[in-house]
């Protein structure tokens, strides 16, 4: 139980640290220009993917299945991120 709670805390801290990268970069350069909605969207994506992988780790017993399912979650995260950033699929949600 303690290990599982540590993983949850680790996921939340990792998301916070990853979101600090563009926040700090915005202080030094004009090339990084995120709005509040960008931080919220990325936070939701990262936290959602992390919590979904945690759910998979807790409920799937076969190690090979865990790796495959978490891999699919991470590929979906990257594809959604790319779509929001540059619009590889040309949906209405695409970035500029």
N, C-alpha and C. Protein backbone atom coordinates (compact mmCIF):
# COMPACT_ATOMS: atom_id res chain seq x y z
N UNK A 1 0.82 -1.20 0.00
CA UNK A 1 0.00 0.00 0.00
C UNK A 1 0.86 1.26 0.00
N UNK A 2 1.93 1.26 0.79
CA UNK A 2 2.80 2.43 0.86
C UNK A 2 3.51 2.64 -0.48
N UNK A 3 3.93 1.56 -1.14
CA UNK A 3 4.59 1.67 -2.43
C UNK A 3 3.66 2.27 -3.47
N UNK A 4 2.39 1.85 -3.45
CA UNK A 4 1.43 2.38 -4.41
C UNK A 4 1.21 3.88 -4.19
N UNK A 5 1.13 4.30 -2.93
CA UNK A 5 0.95 5.72 -2.66
C UNK A 5 2.19 6.51 -3.06
N UNK A 6 3.37 5.93 -2.90
CA UNK A 6 4.59 6.60 -3.33
C UNK A 6 4.61 6.78 -4.83
N UNK A 7 4.11 5.78 -5.56
CA UNK A 7 4.04 5.91 -7.02
C UNK A 7 3.10 7.03 -7.41
N UNK A 8 1.97 7.16 -6.74
CA UNK A 8 1.03 8.23 -7.04
C UNK A 8 1.66 9.60 -6.77
N UNK A 9 2.35 9.72 -5.66
CA UNK A 9 3.04 10.97 -5.35
C UNK A 9 4.12 11.24 -6.40
N UNK A 10 4.82 10.20 -6.82
CA UNK A 10 5.84 10.34 -7.86
C UNK A 10 5.26 10.81 -9.18
N UNK A 11 4.09 10.29 -9.53
CA UNK A 11 3.43 10.70 -10.77
C UNK A 11 3.08 12.18 -10.71
N UNK A 12 2.48 12.61 -9.62
CA UNK A 12 2.07 14.01 -9.48
C UNK A 12 3.30 14.92 -9.49
N UNK A 13 4.35 14.54 -8.77
CA UNK A 13 5.57 15.36 -8.75
C UNK A 13 6.24 15.41 -10.12
N UNK A 14 6.24 14.31 -10.84
CA UNK A 14 6.83 14.28 -12.18
C UNK A 14 6.07 15.21 -13.12
N UNK A 15 4.74 15.18 -13.06
CA UNK A 15 3.93 16.08 -13.89
C UNK A 15 4.24 17.53 -13.54
N UNK A 16 4.33 17.84 -12.27
CA UNK A 16 4.63 19.21 -11.85
C UNK A 16 6.02 19.64 -12.35
N UNK A 17 7.00 18.76 -12.24
CA UNK A 17 8.35 19.10 -12.71
C UNK A 17 8.39 19.27 -14.22
N UNK A 18 7.66 18.43 -14.95
CA UNK A 18 7.63 18.57 -16.41
C UNK A 18 6.95 19.88 -16.83
N UNK A 19 5.95 20.30 -16.08
CA UNK A 19 5.28 21.56 -16.40
C UNK A 19 6.13 22.77 -16.00
N UNK A 20 7.06 22.58 -15.10
CA UNK A 20 7.97 23.67 -14.73
C UNK A 20 8.95 24.00 -15.86
N UNK A 21 9.25 23.04 -16.72
CA UNK A 21 10.22 23.27 -17.80
C UNK A 21 9.77 24.41 -18.71
N UNK A 22 8.54 24.37 -19.29
CA UNK A 22 8.15 25.50 -20.14
C UNK A 22 7.93 26.78 -19.33
N UNK A 23 7.50 26.66 -18.08
CA UNK A 23 7.31 27.85 -17.26
C UNK A 23 8.63 28.58 -17.03
N UNK A 24 9.68 27.84 -16.75
CA UNK A 24 11.00 28.45 -16.57
C UNK A 24 11.54 28.97 -17.90
N UNK A 25 11.33 28.20 -18.98
CA UNK A 25 11.81 28.63 -20.29
C UNK A 25 11.13 29.93 -20.73
N UNK A 26 9.89 30.14 -20.34
CA UNK A 26 9.18 31.37 -20.70
C UNK A 26 9.82 32.59 -20.06
N UNK A 27 10.53 32.40 -18.96
CA UNK A 27 11.17 33.52 -18.29
C UNK A 27 12.43 33.99 -19.02
N UNK A 28 13.02 33.13 -19.84
CA UNK A 28 14.30 33.44 -20.48
C UNK A 28 14.22 33.67 -21.98
N UNK A 29 13.14 33.23 -22.62
CA UNK A 29 13.06 33.36 -24.07
C UNK A 29 11.63 33.66 -24.49
N UNK A 30 11.49 34.30 -25.64
CA UNK A 30 10.17 34.57 -26.19
C UNK A 30 9.69 33.43 -27.10
N UNK A 31 10.54 32.46 -27.34
CA UNK A 31 10.18 31.35 -28.22
C UNK A 31 9.20 30.37 -27.56
N UNK A 32 9.16 30.36 -26.25
CA UNK A 32 8.20 29.53 -25.52
C UNK A 32 7.11 30.47 -25.01
N UNK A 33 5.90 30.28 -25.51
CA UNK A 33 4.81 31.18 -25.16
C UNK A 33 3.56 30.35 -24.87
N UNK A 34 3.48 29.81 -23.68
CA UNK A 34 2.33 29.00 -23.28
C UNK A 34 1.33 29.86 -22.54
N UNK A 35 0.06 29.59 -22.78
CA UNK A 35 -1.00 30.26 -22.02
C UNK A 35 -1.44 29.32 -20.89
N UNK A 36 -2.32 29.82 -20.05
CA UNK A 36 -2.84 28.99 -18.96
C UNK A 36 -3.52 27.74 -19.50
N UNK A 37 -4.24 27.88 -20.61
CA UNK A 37 -4.92 26.71 -21.18
C UNK A 37 -3.93 25.66 -21.67
N UNK A 38 -2.77 26.10 -22.14
CA UNK A 38 -1.73 25.14 -22.55
C UNK A 38 -1.23 24.32 -21.36
N UNK A 39 -1.00 25.01 -20.24
CA UNK A 39 -0.55 24.31 -19.03
C UNK A 39 -1.63 23.36 -18.51
N UNK A 40 -2.88 23.80 -18.56
CA UNK A 40 -3.98 22.95 -18.09
C UNK A 40 -4.11 21.71 -18.98
N UNK A 41 -4.08 21.91 -20.30
CA UNK A 41 -4.22 20.79 -21.24
C UNK A 41 -3.08 19.79 -21.07
N UNK A 42 -1.85 20.30 -20.97
CA UNK A 42 -0.71 19.38 -20.82
C UNK A 42 -0.74 18.70 -19.47
N UNK A 43 -1.16 19.42 -18.42
CA UNK A 43 -1.28 18.81 -17.11
C UNK A 43 -2.29 17.68 -17.10
N UNK A 44 -3.44 17.91 -17.75
CA UNK A 44 -4.46 16.87 -17.84
C UNK A 44 -3.95 15.67 -18.63
N UNK A 45 -3.26 15.93 -19.74
CA UNK A 45 -2.73 14.82 -20.55
C UNK A 45 -1.70 14.01 -19.77
N UNK A 46 -0.75 14.69 -19.16
CA UNK A 46 0.31 13.98 -18.42
C UNK A 46 -0.23 13.25 -17.21
N UNK A 47 -1.06 13.93 -16.44
CA UNK A 47 -1.62 13.30 -15.24
C UNK A 47 -2.55 12.15 -15.61
N UNK A 48 -3.34 12.34 -16.66
CA UNK A 48 -4.23 11.27 -17.11
C UNK A 48 -3.47 10.04 -17.56
N UNK A 49 -2.41 10.25 -18.33
CA UNK A 49 -1.60 9.12 -18.80
C UNK A 49 -0.91 8.43 -17.63
N UNK A 50 -0.38 9.22 -16.71
CA UNK A 50 0.29 8.64 -15.54
C UNK A 50 -0.66 7.84 -14.67
N UNK A 51 -1.83 8.40 -14.41
CA UNK A 51 -2.80 7.70 -13.57
C UNK A 51 -3.36 6.47 -14.28
N UNK A 52 -3.52 6.55 -15.60
CA UNK A 52 -3.99 5.38 -16.35
C UNK A 52 -2.95 4.26 -16.30
N UNK A 53 -1.68 4.60 -16.44
CA UNK A 53 -0.63 3.58 -16.31
C UNK A 53 -0.59 3.01 -14.90
N UNK A 54 -0.80 3.84 -13.89
CA UNK A 54 -0.86 3.36 -12.50
C UNK A 54 -2.03 2.39 -12.33
N UNK A 55 -3.18 2.72 -12.90
CA UNK A 55 -4.35 1.84 -12.83
C UNK A 55 -4.03 0.50 -13.50
N UNK A 56 -3.34 0.56 -14.63
CA UNK A 56 -2.96 -0.67 -15.33
C UNK A 56 -1.99 -1.49 -14.48
N UNK A 57 -1.01 -0.84 -13.88
CA UNK A 57 -0.05 -1.56 -13.04
C UNK A 57 -0.73 -2.25 -11.85
N UNK A 58 -1.77 -1.62 -11.32
CA UNK A 58 -2.45 -2.20 -10.16
C UNK A 58 -3.40 -3.34 -10.53
N UNK A 59 -3.94 -3.31 -11.75
CA UNK A 59 -5.01 -4.26 -12.07
C UNK A 59 -4.65 -5.33 -13.08
N UNK A 60 -3.55 -5.20 -13.81
CA UNK A 60 -3.16 -6.20 -14.80
C UNK A 60 -2.00 -6.99 -14.20
N UNK A 61 -2.15 -8.30 -14.13
CA UNK A 61 -1.14 -9.12 -13.46
C UNK A 61 -0.02 -9.58 -14.39
N UNK A 62 -0.31 -9.77 -15.66
CA UNK A 62 0.69 -10.26 -16.61
C UNK A 62 1.61 -9.10 -17.00
N UNK A 63 2.92 -9.29 -16.81
CA UNK A 63 3.90 -8.23 -17.05
C UNK A 63 3.92 -7.81 -18.52
N UNK A 64 3.84 -8.77 -19.42
CA UNK A 64 3.85 -8.45 -20.85
C UNK A 64 2.64 -7.60 -21.23
N UNK A 65 1.49 -7.93 -20.67
CA UNK A 65 0.28 -7.15 -20.95
C UNK A 65 0.40 -5.74 -20.37
N UNK A 66 0.99 -5.63 -19.19
CA UNK A 66 1.20 -4.31 -18.58
C UNK A 66 2.03 -3.43 -19.49
N UNK A 67 3.13 -3.97 -19.98
CA UNK A 67 4.04 -3.20 -20.84
C UNK A 67 3.34 -2.79 -22.13
N UNK A 68 2.60 -3.72 -22.74
CA UNK A 68 1.92 -3.41 -23.99
C UNK A 68 0.85 -2.34 -23.80
N UNK A 69 0.04 -2.47 -22.78
CA UNK A 69 -1.04 -1.52 -22.55
C UNK A 69 -0.48 -0.14 -22.18
N UNK A 70 0.53 -0.10 -21.32
CA UNK A 70 1.14 1.18 -20.98
C UNK A 70 1.83 1.80 -22.20
N UNK A 71 2.38 0.98 -23.05
CA UNK A 71 2.97 1.47 -24.30
C UNK A 71 1.93 2.11 -25.20
N UNK A 72 0.76 1.49 -25.29
CA UNK A 72 -0.33 2.06 -26.09
C UNK A 72 -0.78 3.39 -25.49
N UNK A 73 -0.86 3.47 -24.17
CA UNK A 73 -1.24 4.72 -23.50
C UNK A 73 -0.22 5.81 -23.82
N UNK A 74 1.06 5.49 -23.77
CA UNK A 74 2.10 6.48 -24.04
C UNK A 74 2.11 6.91 -25.51
N UNK A 75 1.85 5.98 -26.43
CA UNK A 75 1.76 6.34 -27.84
C UNK A 75 0.56 7.26 -28.07
N UNK A 76 -0.56 6.97 -27.43
CA UNK A 76 -1.73 7.84 -27.54
C UNK A 76 -1.44 9.23 -26.98
N UNK A 77 -0.71 9.29 -25.86
CA UNK A 77 -0.32 10.58 -25.28
C UNK A 77 0.50 11.39 -26.27
N UNK A 78 1.49 10.76 -26.88
CA UNK A 78 2.36 11.46 -27.83
C UNK A 78 1.56 11.92 -29.05
N UNK A 79 0.67 11.09 -29.57
CA UNK A 79 -0.12 11.48 -30.74
C UNK A 79 -1.05 12.65 -30.43
N UNK A 80 -1.67 12.63 -29.26
CA UNK A 80 -2.54 13.74 -28.87
C UNK A 80 -1.72 15.00 -28.68
N UNK A 81 -0.56 14.87 -28.06
CA UNK A 81 0.32 16.01 -27.85
C UNK A 81 0.75 16.61 -29.19
N UNK A 82 1.16 15.76 -30.13
CA UNK A 82 1.55 16.24 -31.45
C UNK A 82 0.40 16.92 -32.17
N UNK A 83 -0.79 16.37 -32.05
CA UNK A 83 -1.95 16.97 -32.70
C UNK A 83 -2.23 18.36 -32.12
N UNK A 84 -2.18 18.47 -30.82
CA UNK A 84 -2.43 19.77 -30.20
C UNK A 84 -1.32 20.77 -30.51
N UNK A 85 -0.10 20.29 -30.68
CA UNK A 85 1.03 21.19 -30.91
C UNK A 85 1.11 21.66 -32.36
N UNK A 86 1.05 20.73 -33.30
CA UNK A 86 1.29 21.10 -34.70
C UNK A 86 0.20 20.64 -35.66
N UNK A 87 -0.73 19.83 -35.24
CA UNK A 87 -1.84 19.43 -36.09
C UNK A 87 -1.49 18.40 -37.15
N UNK A 88 -0.95 17.26 -36.77
CA UNK A 88 -0.57 16.24 -37.75
C UNK A 88 -1.78 15.58 -38.41
N UNK A 89 -2.94 15.60 -37.73
CA UNK A 89 -4.14 15.00 -38.30
C UNK A 89 -5.12 16.04 -38.83
N UNK A 90 -4.79 17.32 -38.68
CA UNK A 90 -5.59 18.44 -39.17
C UNK A 90 -7.01 18.46 -38.61
N UNK A 91 -7.15 18.22 -37.33
CA UNK A 91 -8.45 18.34 -36.67
C UNK A 91 -8.65 19.78 -36.24
N UNK A 92 -9.88 20.14 -35.82
CA UNK A 92 -10.11 21.51 -35.36
C UNK A 92 -9.34 21.87 -34.08
N UNK A 93 -8.80 20.88 -33.38
CA UNK A 93 -8.06 21.11 -32.15
C UNK A 93 -6.58 21.39 -32.40
N UNK A 94 -6.17 21.35 -33.66
CA UNK A 94 -4.76 21.46 -33.99
C UNK A 94 -4.21 22.83 -33.64
N UNK A 95 -2.93 22.84 -33.28
CA UNK A 95 -2.24 24.09 -32.99
C UNK A 95 -1.87 24.78 -34.28
N UNK A 96 -1.30 25.96 -34.13
CA UNK A 96 -0.94 26.72 -35.34
C UNK A 96 0.48 26.41 -35.78
